[in-house]
Protein backbone atom coordinates (compact mmCIF):
# COMPACT_ATOMS: atom_id res chain seq x y z
CA MET A 1 7.32 -38.93 -63.70
CA ILE A 2 8.06 -40.68 -67.20
CA ARG A 3 10.95 -39.15 -69.10
CA LEU A 4 10.44 -38.21 -72.38
CA HIS A 5 13.32 -38.69 -74.98
CA GLU A 6 12.14 -39.89 -78.18
CA ALA A 7 11.68 -37.17 -81.04
CA LYS A 8 8.30 -38.56 -82.14
CA MET A 9 7.15 -38.42 -78.45
CA LEU A 10 8.20 -34.83 -78.15
CA GLN A 11 6.98 -33.61 -80.80
CA THR A 12 3.32 -35.27 -80.83
CA LEU A 13 3.49 -33.48 -76.65
CA HIS A 14 4.14 -30.78 -78.30
CA ARG A 15 1.01 -30.79 -80.66
CA SER A 16 -0.87 -31.55 -78.17
CA LEU A 17 -0.20 -28.62 -75.66
CA THR A 18 -1.23 -26.32 -78.15
CA GLN A 19 -4.85 -26.88 -76.95
CA ASN A 20 -3.98 -25.54 -73.65
CA ILE A 21 -2.11 -21.92 -75.27
CA PRO A 22 -1.85 -19.54 -73.01
CA GLU A 23 -1.31 -21.17 -69.86
CA ALA A 24 1.16 -23.89 -71.49
CA ILE A 25 3.28 -21.26 -73.44
CA LYS A 26 6.47 -21.82 -70.70
CA VAL A 27 6.13 -25.36 -71.27
CA TYR A 28 5.66 -25.29 -75.12
CA GLY A 29 7.98 -22.91 -75.55
CA ALA A 30 10.68 -24.82 -73.76
CA ILE A 31 9.75 -27.90 -76.07
CA PHE A 32 9.89 -25.65 -79.23
CA HIS A 33 13.75 -25.39 -78.34
CA ILE A 34 14.09 -28.69 -77.46
CA ASN A 35 12.92 -29.68 -80.65
CA ARG A 36 15.34 -27.81 -82.84
CA GLY A 37 18.24 -29.18 -80.90
CA ASN A 38 18.15 -28.67 -77.49
CA PRO A 39 20.91 -26.14 -76.70
CA PHE A 40 20.25 -25.50 -72.99
CA ASN A 41 20.44 -29.25 -72.60
CA LEU A 42 16.85 -29.82 -71.30
CA GLU A 43 14.28 -32.96 -70.70
CA VAL A 44 10.60 -33.10 -70.41
CA LEU A 45 8.95 -35.01 -67.66
CA VAL A 46 5.28 -36.18 -67.62
CA ASP A 47 2.89 -37.57 -65.16
CA SER A 48 1.75 -40.57 -67.64
CA TRP A 49 2.14 -41.35 -71.30
CA PRO A 50 0.34 -40.83 -73.65
CA ASP A 51 -2.89 -39.47 -71.49
CA TYR A 52 -0.66 -37.01 -69.54
CA GLN A 53 -2.14 -34.49 -67.13
CA THR A 54 1.00 -32.93 -65.64
CA VAL A 55 4.39 -31.69 -67.83
CA ILE A 56 6.98 -30.33 -66.71
CA THR A 57 10.81 -29.40 -68.17
CA ARG A 58 13.61 -28.85 -66.28
CA PRO A 59 17.71 -29.40 -67.19
CA GLN A 60 19.16 -32.66 -67.32
CA LYS A 61 21.20 -33.77 -64.15
CA GLN A 62 24.66 -32.79 -65.53
CA GLU A 63 23.46 -29.08 -66.16
CA MET A 64 22.63 -28.47 -62.30
CA MET A 65 26.19 -28.94 -61.02
CA ASP A 66 25.68 -25.48 -59.03
CA ASP A 67 23.52 -25.56 -56.15
CA LYS A 68 23.54 -21.67 -55.73
CA ASP A 69 22.23 -21.58 -59.89
CA ARG A 70 18.80 -20.50 -59.65
CA TYR A 71 19.07 -19.20 -63.53
CA THR A 72 19.95 -22.96 -64.42
CA ASN A 73 17.97 -24.81 -62.09
CA THR A 74 14.97 -23.97 -63.62
CA TYR A 75 11.41 -25.74 -63.57
CA HIS A 76 8.87 -25.03 -66.18
CA ILE A 77 5.19 -26.47 -65.09
CA PHE A 78 2.34 -26.93 -66.58
CA SER A 79 -0.73 -29.39 -65.41
CA LYS A 80 -4.19 -29.99 -66.44
CA ASN A 81 -5.01 -31.47 -63.03
CA LEU A 82 -3.26 -29.09 -59.96
CA GLN A 83 -5.07 -31.18 -57.31
CA LYS A 84 -2.44 -33.62 -57.61
CA LEU A 85 0.49 -31.49 -58.45
CA PRO A 86 1.84 -31.05 -54.75
CA GLU A 87 2.03 -34.38 -54.58
CA ILE A 88 4.44 -34.56 -57.30
CA LEU A 89 6.52 -31.39 -56.33
CA GLU A 90 7.37 -32.90 -53.22
CA SER A 91 9.20 -35.62 -54.70
CA ASP A 92 12.85 -35.45 -54.71
CA SER A 93 13.31 -36.78 -57.76
CA VAL A 94 11.24 -34.62 -59.72
CA ILE A 95 12.62 -31.23 -57.99
CA ASN A 96 15.74 -30.82 -56.10
CA TRP A 97 15.15 -28.93 -52.96
CA LYS A 98 18.17 -28.74 -51.66
CA GLN A 99 19.14 -26.38 -54.54
CA SER A 100 18.21 -23.21 -55.18
CA LEU A 101 16.06 -23.18 -58.05
CA THR A 102 13.00 -21.30 -60.00
CA ILE A 103 9.69 -22.36 -61.27
CA GLN A 104 8.08 -21.13 -63.85
CA GLY A 105 4.36 -21.17 -64.93
CA CYS A 106 1.07 -19.41 -66.39
CA GLN A 107 -1.45 -21.19 -64.31
CA LYS A 108 -3.12 -18.73 -61.39
CA GLY A 109 -3.97 -22.02 -59.20
CA LEU A 110 -0.09 -22.49 -59.47
CA ASP A 111 0.54 -20.41 -56.13
CA GLU A 112 -1.16 -22.42 -53.70
CA LYS A 113 0.20 -25.84 -55.02
CA ILE A 114 3.52 -25.22 -54.93
CA ARG A 115 3.27 -23.31 -51.36
CA ASP A 116 1.68 -27.01 -50.42
CA ALA A 117 4.80 -28.72 -51.89
CA VAL A 118 6.99 -26.80 -50.10
CA ALA A 119 5.15 -26.80 -46.51
CA SER A 120 7.27 -29.69 -45.17
CA LYS A 121 10.38 -28.56 -46.13
CA SER A 122 12.31 -26.01 -44.85
CA VAL A 123 12.47 -23.69 -48.19
CA GLN A 124 12.13 -19.85 -48.73
CA VAL A 125 9.74 -18.81 -52.02
CA ASN A 126 9.52 -15.35 -53.03
CA TYR A 127 6.60 -14.99 -55.85
CA ASN A 128 6.96 -12.88 -58.68
CA LYS A 129 3.69 -12.40 -60.61
CA ARG A 130 3.44 -10.92 -63.99
CA PHE A 131 1.35 -10.23 -66.88
CA LEU A 132 1.58 -12.91 -69.92
CA TYR A 133 2.06 -11.35 -73.57
CA ILE A 134 1.43 -12.76 -76.92
CA THR A 135 0.79 -11.35 -79.84
CA ASP A 136 -2.26 -12.40 -82.29
CA ASN A 137 0.14 -13.58 -85.13
CA VAL A 138 2.01 -15.96 -82.54
CA PHE A 139 -1.02 -16.97 -81.05
CA LYS A 140 -2.79 -18.03 -83.89
CA SER A 141 0.22 -19.71 -85.01
CA ILE A 142 0.45 -21.91 -82.18
CA THR A 143 -3.62 -22.36 -81.85
CA SER A 144 -3.37 -23.14 -85.22
CA ASN A 145 -0.73 -25.90 -84.92
CA ALA A 146 1.22 -24.08 -88.04
CA SER A 147 4.56 -23.29 -86.02
CA LYS A 148 7.07 -25.39 -87.70
CA LEU A 149 8.72 -27.60 -85.09
CA MET A 150 11.95 -28.98 -86.65
CA LYS A 151 13.47 -25.89 -88.63
CA PRO A 152 16.68 -24.77 -87.01
CA LEU A 153 16.54 -21.52 -85.56
CA LYS A 154 19.59 -19.54 -87.11
CA VAL A 155 21.55 -16.20 -85.76
CA ALA A 156 21.33 -14.17 -88.74
CA SER A 157 24.51 -11.96 -89.87
CA SER A 158 24.10 -8.67 -89.47
CA GLU A 159 23.38 -8.17 -93.32
CA ASN A 160 19.73 -9.41 -92.95
CA VAL A 161 18.63 -7.52 -90.18
CA LYS A 162 16.85 -4.88 -91.75
CA PHE A 163 16.31 -1.45 -89.74
CA ILE A 164 15.10 1.97 -91.12
CA SER A 165 16.89 4.90 -89.93
CA THR A 166 16.83 8.15 -90.76
CA ASN A 167 19.95 8.76 -88.47
CA ASN A 168 23.58 7.61 -89.04
CA ASN A 169 24.43 7.88 -85.93
CA PHE A 170 22.50 4.73 -84.97
CA ARG A 171 22.66 1.71 -86.29
CA PRO A 172 21.11 -2.17 -86.31
CA SER A 173 23.11 -5.06 -84.86
CA LEU A 174 23.02 -8.54 -83.34
CA LEU A 175 23.82 -8.83 -79.99
CA SER A 176 26.77 -10.81 -79.32
CA VAL A 177 28.12 -12.68 -75.90
CA PHE A 178 30.73 -9.59 -75.72
CA HIS A 179 27.51 -7.61 -74.76
CA ALA A 180 26.69 -9.88 -72.22
CA GLU A 181 27.95 -7.88 -69.22
CA LEU A 182 26.51 -4.86 -70.31
CA ILE A 183 22.97 -6.33 -70.49
CA ASN A 184 23.22 -8.60 -67.39
CA ASN A 185 24.39 -5.31 -65.23
CA ASN A 186 20.95 -3.57 -66.64
CA TRP A 187 18.50 -6.71 -65.96
CA LYS A 188 16.87 -6.39 -63.13
CA PHE A 189 16.82 -9.58 -62.21
CA GLY A 190 20.90 -10.22 -62.95
CA GLN A 191 23.61 -8.18 -62.16
CA ASN A 192 25.38 -11.44 -60.92
CA GLU A 193 28.21 -13.67 -61.69
CA LYS A 194 25.49 -16.46 -61.97
CA SER A 195 22.56 -14.37 -64.05
CA LEU A 196 25.98 -13.60 -66.09
CA ARG A 197 26.55 -16.85 -67.14
CA PHE A 198 23.05 -17.43 -68.16
CA VAL A 199 22.66 -14.21 -70.20
CA LYS A 200 25.82 -15.69 -72.15
CA ARG A 201 24.33 -18.98 -72.85
CA CYS A 202 21.47 -17.47 -74.19
CA LEU A 203 23.64 -15.32 -76.29
CA GLN A 204 25.33 -17.90 -77.55
CA ASN A 205 22.03 -20.05 -78.72
CA PHE A 206 19.63 -17.55 -79.51
CA PRO A 207 19.47 -14.08 -81.45
CA GLY A 208 19.50 -10.77 -79.79
CA GLN A 209 19.20 -7.36 -81.16
CA CYS A 210 20.31 -4.27 -80.65
CA VAL A 211 20.66 -0.43 -82.00
CA LEU A 212 24.68 0.80 -82.03
CA ASP A 213 25.57 4.36 -81.00
CA SER A 214 28.48 6.41 -83.16
CA GLU A 215 30.88 4.51 -81.08
CA GLY A 216 29.81 0.87 -81.34
CA ASN A 217 27.79 0.46 -77.90
CA PRO A 218 24.56 -0.60 -77.87
CA ILE A 219 22.02 1.46 -76.66
CA SER A 220 19.01 -0.50 -76.54
CA TRP A 221 18.42 -4.01 -77.29
CA ILE A 222 16.52 -7.22 -76.64
CA ILE A 223 17.21 -10.60 -76.48
CA LEU A 224 15.39 -14.15 -76.93
CA GLU A 225 15.75 -17.37 -74.10
CA HIS A 226 15.16 -20.63 -73.59
CA THR A 227 11.65 -20.91 -73.48
CA SER A 228 11.23 -18.46 -76.69
CA GLU A 229 10.52 -15.71 -73.97
CA MET A 230 11.82 -12.33 -75.27
CA ARG A 231 13.68 -10.71 -72.09
CA MET A 232 15.78 -8.05 -70.86
CA SER A 233 14.58 -5.43 -72.94
CA TYR A 234 16.08 -1.90 -72.22
CA SER A 235 17.56 1.49 -73.50
CA LEU A 236 19.85 3.09 -71.82
CA PRO A 237 18.58 6.17 -69.54
CA GLU A 238 19.94 8.88 -72.40
CA TYR A 239 18.06 6.97 -75.07
CA GLN A 240 14.64 5.77 -73.29
CA CYS A 241 11.49 7.53 -74.63
CA ARG A 242 13.00 7.80 -78.10
CA GLY A 243 11.88 5.28 -80.12
CA PHE A 244 14.60 3.20 -80.04
CA ALA A 245 12.97 0.18 -77.83
CA LYS A 246 10.29 0.09 -80.43
CA TRP A 247 12.40 0.33 -83.26
CA VAL A 248 14.33 -2.86 -82.09
CA MET A 249 11.04 -4.70 -80.79
CA ASN A 250 9.55 -4.49 -84.06
CA ASN A 251 12.47 -5.77 -85.75
CA PHE A 252 13.38 -8.65 -83.77
CA MET A 253 9.56 -9.77 -84.02
CA GLU A 254 9.82 -9.75 -88.29
CA TYR A 255 12.92 -11.94 -87.69
CA LEU A 256 11.44 -14.34 -85.36
CA GLN A 257 8.52 -14.56 -87.27
CA LYS A 258 10.26 -14.97 -91.08
CA ASN A 259 12.07 -17.87 -88.67
CA ASP A 260 8.66 -19.56 -87.74
CA THR A 261 9.68 -18.75 -84.24
CA ILE A 262 7.51 -18.25 -81.19
CA PHE A 263 8.13 -15.39 -78.49
CA TYR A 264 6.00 -14.21 -76.20
CA GLY A 265 6.47 -11.66 -73.19
CA GLN A 266 5.81 -10.71 -69.59
CA VAL A 267 5.32 -7.87 -67.56
CA GLU A 268 5.45 -7.06 -63.96
CA GLU A 269 2.39 -6.03 -62.53
CA MET A 270 3.42 -3.05 -61.24
CA ASN A 271 5.54 -1.93 -64.81
CA GLU A 272 3.07 0.81 -66.15
CA ALA A 273 5.40 1.37 -68.85
CA GLY A 274 5.97 -1.86 -69.94
CA HIS A 275 2.55 -2.86 -70.18
CA LYS A 276 1.68 0.26 -72.26
CA PHE A 277 5.25 -0.88 -74.25
CA LEU A 278 4.34 -4.15 -75.49
CA LYS A 279 0.51 -3.00 -76.34
CA SER A 280 1.97 -0.36 -78.17
CA VAL A 281 3.71 -2.94 -80.67
CA GLY A 282 0.75 -5.37 -81.05
CA PHE A 283 1.06 -7.71 -78.00
CA SER A 284 -2.27 -8.41 -76.00
CA ALA A 285 -2.66 -9.49 -72.23
CA PHE A 286 -3.91 -12.81 -71.23
CA ALA A 287 -6.18 -13.38 -68.25
CA CYS A 288 -3.99 -16.24 -67.09
CA GLY A 289 -0.77 -14.14 -66.20
CA GLY A 290 2.86 -15.27 -65.70
CA TYR A 291 4.29 -16.68 -62.68
CA GLU A 292 7.51 -17.07 -60.91
CA TRP A 293 8.59 -18.45 -58.06
CA GLU A 294 11.97 -18.38 -56.45
CA CYS A 295 13.07 -21.10 -54.19
CA ILE A 296 15.66 -21.20 -51.61
CA PRO A 297 16.61 -23.98 -49.07
CA ALA A 298 17.15 -22.77 -45.31
CA ASP A 299 20.64 -23.67 -45.06
CA LEU A 300 21.85 -21.56 -48.71
CA ILE A 301 20.24 -18.78 -46.98
């Protein structure tokens, strides 16, 4: 695999991936933020250049120091030639199979190929299937190549975030790293020290928004992560089904669009409320889906 590090090459690759949306949305989103300062210190691998077939984004080596941190040790994959993918993924120079890690992608054929790649390795694979959701505006922006690659994403001040409220007991606010523990404790896929570190890093580098109660505590929130996926949307139980989540989501989408930032969401297959919610705020489901593989070496289980 070839590591692309020159800015012009990364911009060329990013533009070319617009032809493969939505299947390439994970690597597209990762490269989107690499081209905007690369706050998560990711790197991009291709099997050949400029006529590539497979693209993989992963953390730079110095980032993957904890063999048990699957939140950091995350790989995003897109391939035009799935038949050759197992051969690429088998290589320890591409994926460090001695670590606990996560692989993400949005192609239906990936599951078979990833399992082929790990067949000869002592690795436990946990598979999670999701539905991929994108708004029409974002989809059109990407596929028309209209998104601006180099404009830095700035975390706005609270004064610049407009919410409409008729209840003075609640007010909008940006999330800060001080809210990380609350978010992590209510994140289904978190609730541990390594996930807390991931949440903190997201909040330090990307915007997140919430609604505060009269005592200044977040009651509903959502954040953006390093592939531009909107994640961890949650409202505390006593505030669910009261419109707070939609309030936060609508304003967050408006903010991201004004900053020329792409976004999308994923929902687990059986999460009926999640599907209904994203559709209610203008998202459409795409047939390719979204997939995640948690891979754990036998000696780390």
